[in-house]
Amino acid sequence: MDRNKAIELSKVYSNEVKNAYEPYKVMLYGSYCRNEQTKDSDIDIAVIFDGFSGDWLKTSSDLWRMTEKVNTIIEPVLLDMQSDPSGFCEHVIETGIEL
């Protein structure tokens, strides 16, 4: 899949997420963000909250289910700015594409 198509699908997915939740940011990251994708690449999307207080497992499951409405090549990850000592959220925000 080419990068523009991946970004288009990512935006559709982001809208699905935003209709169900109120994330701080939804970001495309990984190979499609860097334009280094291969034929086997998935579409990495970070759904970032700033102080998540819901049911983590249910929300993660919901995010995966939403991929079925758009494209199952999408691989979402649920992140929380307040619970990220590794700095991964900041890295995704700094280097990713906001959707």
Protein backbone atom coordinates (compact mmCIF):
# COMPACT_ATOMS: atom_id res chain seq x y z
CA MET A 1 0.00 0.00 0.00
CA ASP A 2 1.33 3.45 -0.75
CA ARG A 3 1.83 6.05 1.97
CA ASN A 4 -0.99 8.36 0.87
CA LYS A 5 -3.52 5.51 1.02
CA ALA A 6 -2.25 4.55 4.49
CA ILE A 7 -2.65 8.13 5.71
CA GLU A 8 -6.16 8.28 4.22
CA LEU A 9 -7.16 5.04 6.00
CA SER A 10 -5.55 6.30 9.20
CA LYS A 11 -7.69 9.45 9.10
CA VAL A 12 -10.85 7.39 8.63
CA TYR A 13 -9.85 5.23 11.58
CA SER A 14 -9.01 8.30 13.66
CA ASN A 15 -12.52 9.65 13.07
CA GLU A 16 -14.00 6.34 14.26
CA VAL A 17 -11.91 6.56 17.43
CA LYS A 18 -12.83 10.20 18.05
CA ASN A 19 -16.52 9.39 17.65
CA ALA A 20 -16.25 6.81 20.44
CA TYR A 21 -13.63 8.37 22.73
CA GLU A 22 -11.99 11.71 23.47
CA PRO A 23 -8.28 11.02 23.08
CA TYR A 24 -5.64 13.69 23.57
CA LYS A 25 -4.17 12.80 20.17
CA VAL A 26 -4.37 10.10 17.51
CA MET A 27 -1.03 9.67 15.75
CA LEU A 28 0.33 7.70 12.82
CA TYR A 29 3.83 6.43 13.64
CA GLY A 30 6.17 3.75 12.40
CA SER A 31 7.14 2.82 8.87
CA TYR A 32 4.31 4.63 7.05
CA CYS A 33 5.06 7.79 9.00
CA ARG A 34 8.74 7.57 8.01
CA ASN A 35 7.86 6.53 4.44
CA GLU A 36 9.85 3.31 4.94
CA GLN A 37 6.97 0.86 4.55
CA THR A 38 7.27 -2.49 2.81
CA LYS A 39 4.59 -4.73 1.33
CA ASP A 40 4.29 -6.45 4.74
CA SER A 41 4.02 -3.28 6.84
CA ASP A 42 1.11 -2.65 9.15
CA ILE A 43 -0.27 0.82 9.90
CA ASP A 44 0.78 1.81 13.41
CA ILE A 45 -1.61 4.18 15.15
CA ALA A 46 -1.21 5.50 18.69
CA VAL A 47 -4.37 6.54 20.51
CA ILE A 48 -3.01 8.79 23.24
CA PHE A 49 -4.85 9.97 26.34
CA ASP A 50 -3.63 12.46 28.93
CA GLY A 51 -4.86 10.88 32.14
CA PHE A 52 -6.80 7.82 31.01
CA SER A 53 -9.39 6.75 33.58
CA GLY A 54 -11.43 4.14 31.72
CA ASP A 55 -11.22 0.37 31.43
CA TRP A 56 -7.87 -0.25 29.71
CA LEU A 57 -8.65 -3.75 28.40
CA LYS A 58 -12.12 -2.84 27.12
CA THR A 59 -10.83 0.28 25.39
CA SER A 60 -7.92 -1.61 23.81
CA SER A 61 -10.35 -4.24 22.59
CA ASP A 62 -12.67 -1.56 21.20
CA LEU A 63 -9.79 0.06 19.33
CA TRP A 64 -8.94 -3.28 17.71
CA ARG A 65 -12.59 -3.90 16.81
CA MET A 66 -12.77 -0.52 15.11
CA THR A 67 -10.05 -1.61 12.68
CA GLU A 68 -12.55 -4.05 11.16
CA LYS A 69 -14.63 -1.06 9.99
CA VAL A 70 -11.67 0.48 8.17
CA ASN A 71 -8.85 -2.01 7.48
CA THR A 72 -7.39 -4.77 9.63
CA ILE A 73 -3.86 -3.80 8.58
CA ILE A 74 -4.23 -1.03 11.19
CA GLU A 75 -2.57 -1.85 14.51
CA PRO A 76 -3.69 0.51 17.25
CA VAL A 77 -1.93 0.97 20.56
CA LEU A 78 -3.52 2.64 23.58
CA LEU A 79 -1.17 5.01 25.43
CA ASP A 80 -1.48 7.39 28.38
CA MET A 81 0.79 10.42 28.78
CA GLN A 82 0.48 10.13 32.57
CA SER A 83 1.65 6.49 32.62
CA ASP A 84 4.59 6.54 30.24
CA PRO A 85 7.94 6.65 32.03
CA SER A 86 9.68 5.40 28.86
CA GLY A 87 8.87 8.57 26.93
CA PHE A 88 7.29 6.63 24.06
CA CYS A 89 4.24 8.95 23.93
CA GLU A 90 6.45 12.00 23.60
CA HIS A 91 8.50 10.30 20.89
CA VAL A 92 5.35 9.42 18.92
CA ILE A 93 4.02 12.98 19.27
CA GLU A 94 7.35 14.49 18.20
CA THR A 95 7.96 12.20 15.22
CA GLY A 96 4.50 11.02 14.17
CA ILE A 97 1.74 12.48 12.02
CA GLU A 98 -1.27 13.78 13.92
CA LEU A 99 -4.55 12.54 12.50
